[in-house]
Amino acid sequence: MSSFKEIIKGDTPVLVDFYADWCGPCQTMNPIIDEIKSHYGEKLRVLKINVDKNQAAAQKYKVRGVPTFLLFKNGEINWRSAGIHSRADLKSVIDKAL
């Protein structure tokens, strides 16, 4: 299994979803994230990180609220945002990274 650092350094954009099981907005985003993942297939990797189980990762990336989304490409953060987003908004951001 590839490490987080290896995955985000690749050419393929990586959408990271910092979430919590108890978070209502996170649950609202789940079907949208699933659709994004299936829409882009191999062109995009999606990682879901539970902030309660991975507090070190949440601290490293200064996640203050959930859901928080980061889009990485070649190890760099291309986009960061917190809160609920529409499919269209996410697709627009991802398309720019592709």
N, C-alpha and C. Protein backbone atom coordinates (compact mmCIF):
# COMPACT_ATOMS: atom_id res chain seq x y z
N MET A 1 0.84 -1.18 0.00
CA MET A 1 0.00 0.00 0.00
C MET A 1 0.89 1.25 0.00
N SER A 2 0.56 2.19 -0.84
CA SER A 2 1.33 3.43 -0.93
C SER A 2 1.07 4.31 0.28
N SER A 3 2.10 5.06 0.66
CA SER A 3 1.92 5.98 1.77
C SER A 3 1.24 7.25 1.28
N PHE A 4 0.70 8.00 2.21
CA PHE A 4 0.02 9.25 1.88
C PHE A 4 0.96 10.17 1.12
N LYS A 5 2.21 10.30 1.59
CA LYS A 5 3.18 11.18 0.93
C LYS A 5 3.43 10.77 -0.51
N GLU A 6 3.54 9.46 -0.76
CA GLU A 6 3.78 8.96 -2.12
C GLU A 6 2.58 9.26 -3.02
N ILE A 7 1.39 9.07 -2.49
CA ILE A 7 0.17 9.27 -3.28
C ILE A 7 0.02 10.72 -3.71
N ILE A 8 0.24 11.66 -2.78
CA ILE A 8 0.02 13.08 -3.14
C ILE A 8 1.13 13.65 -4.01
N LYS A 9 2.28 12.97 -4.11
CA LYS A 9 3.38 13.46 -4.95
C LYS A 9 3.20 13.12 -6.42
N GLY A 10 2.25 12.27 -6.75
CA GLY A 10 2.08 11.82 -8.12
C GLY A 10 1.49 12.88 -9.04
N ASP A 11 1.53 12.57 -10.35
CA ASP A 11 0.95 13.45 -11.37
C ASP A 11 -0.57 13.47 -11.31
N THR A 12 -1.16 12.37 -10.82
CA THR A 12 -2.61 12.28 -10.74
C THR A 12 -3.10 13.15 -9.59
N PRO A 13 -4.05 14.06 -9.86
CA PRO A 13 -4.59 14.88 -8.77
C PRO A 13 -5.23 14.00 -7.68
N VAL A 14 -5.10 14.43 -6.44
CA VAL A 14 -5.64 13.70 -5.30
C VAL A 14 -6.55 14.62 -4.51
N LEU A 15 -7.83 14.26 -4.43
CA LEU A 15 -8.78 15.01 -3.62
C LEU A 15 -8.84 14.34 -2.25
N VAL A 16 -8.47 15.09 -1.22
CA VAL A 16 -8.48 14.56 0.14
C VAL A 16 -9.68 15.17 0.87
N ASP A 17 -10.50 14.29 1.41
CA ASP A 17 -11.71 14.67 2.15
C ASP A 17 -11.47 14.39 3.63
N PHE A 18 -11.23 15.44 4.41
CA PHE A 18 -11.13 15.30 5.86
C PHE A 18 -12.55 15.36 6.41
N TYR A 19 -12.96 14.30 7.11
CA TYR A 19 -14.35 14.19 7.56
C TYR A 19 -14.41 13.60 8.97
N ALA A 20 -15.61 13.57 9.53
CA ALA A 20 -15.87 12.88 10.79
C ALA A 20 -17.21 12.17 10.67
N ASP A 21 -17.31 11.01 11.30
CA ASP A 21 -18.54 10.21 11.23
C ASP A 21 -19.75 10.96 11.80
N TRP A 22 -19.52 11.80 12.79
CA TRP A 22 -20.61 12.52 13.47
C TRP A 22 -21.03 13.79 12.74
N CYS A 23 -20.34 14.13 11.67
CA CYS A 23 -20.53 15.41 10.98
C CYS A 23 -21.65 15.33 9.93
N GLY A 24 -22.72 16.09 10.15
CA GLY A 24 -23.85 16.10 9.21
C GLY A 24 -23.46 16.57 7.81
N PRO A 25 -22.76 17.71 7.68
CA PRO A 25 -22.35 18.16 6.35
C PRO A 25 -21.44 17.14 5.64
N CYS A 26 -20.62 16.40 6.42
CA CYS A 26 -19.78 15.36 5.82
C CYS A 26 -20.64 14.27 5.20
N GLN A 27 -21.70 13.89 5.91
CA GLN A 27 -22.61 12.87 5.39
C GLN A 27 -23.33 13.36 4.15
N THR A 28 -23.63 14.65 4.11
CA THR A 28 -24.25 15.24 2.92
C THR A 28 -23.31 15.16 1.73
N MET A 29 -22.02 15.32 1.97
CA MET A 29 -21.02 15.31 0.89
C MET A 29 -20.69 13.91 0.38
N ASN A 30 -20.93 12.86 1.19
CA ASN A 30 -20.54 11.51 0.79
C ASN A 30 -21.03 11.10 -0.60
N PRO A 31 -22.33 11.25 -0.93
CA PRO A 31 -22.76 10.83 -2.27
C PRO A 31 -22.13 11.68 -3.38
N ILE A 32 -21.87 12.94 -3.10
CA ILE A 32 -21.24 13.82 -4.09
C ILE A 32 -19.80 13.36 -4.33
N ILE A 33 -19.09 13.05 -3.27
CA ILE A 33 -17.70 12.57 -3.40
C ILE A 33 -17.68 11.23 -4.14
N ASP A 34 -18.62 10.34 -3.82
CA ASP A 34 -18.69 9.05 -4.52
C ASP A 34 -18.92 9.26 -6.01
N GLU A 35 -19.80 10.19 -6.36
CA GLU A 35 -20.07 10.46 -7.77
C GLU A 35 -18.85 11.05 -8.46
N ILE A 36 -18.16 11.96 -7.79
CA ILE A 36 -16.94 12.56 -8.34
C ILE A 36 -15.91 11.46 -8.61
N LYS A 37 -15.76 10.56 -7.64
CA LYS A 37 -14.80 9.47 -7.77
C LYS A 37 -15.12 8.59 -8.98
N SER A 38 -16.36 8.23 -9.15
CA SER A 38 -16.72 7.38 -10.29
C SER A 38 -16.67 8.15 -11.61
N HIS A 39 -16.98 9.44 -11.59
CA HIS A 39 -16.95 10.26 -12.81
C HIS A 39 -15.54 10.36 -13.38
N TYR A 40 -14.55 10.59 -12.52
CA TYR A 40 -13.18 10.79 -12.99
C TYR A 40 -12.37 9.51 -13.12
N GLY A 41 -12.79 8.45 -12.45
CA GLY A 41 -12.10 7.17 -12.57
C GLY A 41 -10.61 7.28 -12.23
N GLU A 42 -9.78 6.82 -13.17
CA GLU A 42 -8.33 6.79 -12.95
C GLU A 42 -7.67 8.17 -13.04
N LYS A 43 -8.39 9.18 -13.48
CA LYS A 43 -7.82 10.53 -13.63
C LYS A 43 -7.68 11.25 -12.29
N LEU A 44 -8.34 10.72 -11.25
CA LEU A 44 -8.36 11.38 -9.94
C LEU A 44 -8.34 10.32 -8.85
N ARG A 45 -7.54 10.56 -7.82
CA ARG A 45 -7.59 9.70 -6.64
C ARG A 45 -8.35 10.46 -5.56
N VAL A 46 -9.14 9.74 -4.81
CA VAL A 46 -9.90 10.33 -3.70
C VAL A 46 -9.50 9.61 -2.42
N LEU A 47 -9.09 10.38 -1.44
CA LEU A 47 -8.75 9.83 -0.14
C LEU A 47 -9.67 10.46 0.90
N LYS A 48 -10.26 9.61 1.74
CA LYS A 48 -11.10 10.10 2.82
C LYS A 48 -10.32 9.87 4.11
N ILE A 49 -10.16 10.93 4.89
CA ILE A 49 -9.40 10.83 6.14
C ILE A 49 -10.30 11.25 7.29
N ASN A 50 -10.53 10.30 8.20
CA ASN A 50 -11.34 10.54 9.39
C ASN A 50 -10.49 11.31 10.39
N VAL A 51 -10.89 12.54 10.70
CA VAL A 51 -10.09 13.39 11.58
C VAL A 51 -10.01 12.86 13.01
N ASP A 52 -11.00 12.09 13.44
CA ASP A 52 -10.97 11.53 14.78
C ASP A 52 -9.94 10.40 14.89
N LYS A 53 -9.73 9.68 13.81
CA LYS A 53 -8.79 8.56 13.80
C LYS A 53 -7.41 8.97 13.30
N ASN A 54 -7.30 10.12 12.67
CA ASN A 54 -6.03 10.59 12.10
C ASN A 54 -5.78 12.04 12.50
N GLN A 55 -5.69 12.26 13.80
CA GLN A 55 -5.54 13.62 14.30
C GLN A 55 -4.23 14.27 13.86
N ALA A 56 -3.17 13.48 13.70
CA ALA A 56 -1.88 14.04 13.28
C ALA A 56 -1.99 14.63 11.87
N ALA A 57 -2.67 13.92 10.97
CA ALA A 57 -2.84 14.43 9.60
C ALA A 57 -3.69 15.69 9.61
N ALA A 58 -4.74 15.70 10.41
CA ALA A 58 -5.60 16.88 10.50
C ALA A 58 -4.81 18.08 11.03
N GLN A 59 -3.96 17.85 12.01
CA GLN A 59 -3.14 18.94 12.56
C GLN A 59 -2.13 19.42 11.54
N LYS A 60 -1.49 18.48 10.84
CA LYS A 60 -0.46 18.85 9.86
C LYS A 60 -1.02 19.78 8.79
N TYR A 61 -2.24 19.50 8.35
CA TYR A 61 -2.85 20.30 7.28
C TYR A 61 -3.80 21.37 7.82
N LYS A 62 -3.72 21.61 9.13
CA LYS A 62 -4.46 22.69 9.79
C LYS A 62 -5.97 22.63 9.50
N VAL A 63 -6.51 21.43 9.64
CA VAL A 63 -7.94 21.23 9.46
C VAL A 63 -8.64 21.71 10.73
N ARG A 64 -9.44 22.75 10.61
CA ARG A 64 -10.13 23.34 11.76
C ARG A 64 -11.61 22.96 11.81
N GLY A 65 -12.14 22.54 10.68
CA GLY A 65 -13.54 22.14 10.62
C GLY A 65 -13.72 21.07 9.57
N VAL A 66 -14.79 20.35 9.66
CA VAL A 66 -15.07 19.30 8.67
C VAL A 66 -16.42 19.56 8.04
N PRO A 67 -16.60 19.20 6.79
CA PRO A 67 -15.57 18.65 5.91
C PRO A 67 -14.60 19.72 5.42
N THR A 68 -13.34 19.31 5.26
CA THR A 68 -12.33 20.14 4.62
C THR A 68 -11.77 19.34 3.46
N PHE A 69 -11.64 19.99 2.33
CA PHE A 69 -11.14 19.34 1.11
C PHE A 69 -9.82 19.98 0.70
N LEU A 70 -8.86 19.14 0.32
CA LEU A 70 -7.60 19.60 -0.24
C LEU A 70 -7.40 18.87 -1.55
N LEU A 71 -6.95 19.58 -2.56
CA LEU A 71 -6.64 18.97 -3.84
C LEU A 71 -5.14 19.08 -4.06
N PHE A 72 -4.47 17.94 -4.11
CA PHE A 72 -3.03 17.89 -4.31
C PHE A 72 -2.71 17.51 -5.75
N LYS A 73 -1.62 18.06 -6.25
CA LYS A 73 -1.03 17.59 -7.51
C LYS A 73 0.47 17.81 -7.40
N ASN A 74 1.23 16.77 -7.68
CA ASN A 74 2.70 16.81 -7.58
C ASN A 74 3.15 17.27 -6.19
N GLY A 75 2.44 16.83 -5.16
CA GLY A 75 2.82 17.12 -3.79
C GLY A 75 2.44 18.50 -3.28
N GLU A 76 1.84 19.31 -4.14
CA GLU A 76 1.46 20.67 -3.76
C GLU A 76 -0.05 20.78 -3.59
N ILE A 77 -0.48 21.62 -2.66
CA ILE A 77 -1.91 21.86 -2.50
C ILE A 77 -2.33 22.87 -3.57
N ASN A 78 -3.21 22.43 -4.48
CA ASN A 78 -3.73 23.30 -5.54
C ASN A 78 -4.97 24.05 -5.12
N TRP A 79 -5.70 23.47 -4.15
CA TRP A 79 -6.98 24.06 -3.74
C TRP A 79 -7.31 23.54 -2.35
N ARG A 80 -7.94 24.38 -1.58
CA ARG A 80 -8.35 24.01 -0.22
C ARG A 80 -9.65 24.74 0.09
N SER A 81 -10.60 24.01 0.69
CA SER A 81 -11.85 24.64 1.06
C SER A 81 -12.55 23.79 2.11
N ALA A 82 -13.35 24.44 2.92
CA ALA A 82 -14.12 23.73 3.94
C ALA A 82 -15.60 23.95 3.67
N GLY A 83 -16.41 22.99 4.11
CA GLY A 83 -17.86 23.13 3.98
C GLY A 83 -18.43 22.32 2.83
N ILE A 84 -19.70 22.52 2.61
CA ILE A 84 -20.42 21.78 1.57
C ILE A 84 -20.18 22.44 0.21
N HIS A 85 -19.95 21.60 -0.79
CA HIS A 85 -19.74 22.07 -2.16
C HIS A 85 -20.64 21.30 -3.11
N SER A 86 -21.06 21.95 -4.16
CA SER A 86 -21.87 21.27 -5.17
C SER A 86 -20.97 20.43 -6.06
N ARG A 87 -21.59 19.47 -6.77
CA ARG A 87 -20.85 18.67 -7.76
C ARG A 87 -20.16 19.57 -8.77
N ALA A 88 -20.90 20.58 -9.25
CA ALA A 88 -20.37 21.48 -10.28
C ALA A 88 -19.15 22.23 -9.77
N ASP A 89 -19.19 22.70 -8.53
CA ASP A 89 -18.03 23.41 -7.96
C ASP A 89 -16.81 22.50 -7.89
N LEU A 90 -17.00 21.29 -7.39
CA LEU A 90 -15.89 20.36 -7.27
C LEU A 90 -15.34 19.98 -8.65
N LYS A 91 -16.23 19.72 -9.58
CA LYS A 91 -15.79 19.36 -10.94
C LYS A 91 -14.99 20.49 -11.57
N SER A 92 -15.41 21.70 -11.36
CA SER A 92 -14.70 22.86 -11.91
C SER A 92 -13.27 22.94 -11.36
N VAL A 93 -13.11 22.74 -10.08
CA VAL A 93 -11.79 22.79 -9.45
C VAL A 93 -10.92 21.64 -9.95
N ILE A 94 -11.50 20.46 -10.02
CA ILE A 94 -10.74 19.27 -10.46
C ILE A 94 -10.35 19.40 -11.93
N ASP A 95 -11.26 19.88 -12.75
CA ASP A 95 -10.97 20.04 -14.18
C ASP A 95 -9.77 20.96 -14.39
N LYS A 96 -9.64 21.99 -13.57
CA LYS A 96 -8.51 22.92 -13.69
C LYS A 96 -7.20 22.21 -13.36
N ALA A 97 -7.24 21.25 -12.44
CA ALA A 97 -6.04 20.52 -12.04
C ALA A 97 -5.64 19.46 -13.06
N LEU A 98 -6.61 19.02 -13.85
CA LEU A 98 -6.32 18.00 -14.87
C LEU A 98 -5.71 18.69 -16.05
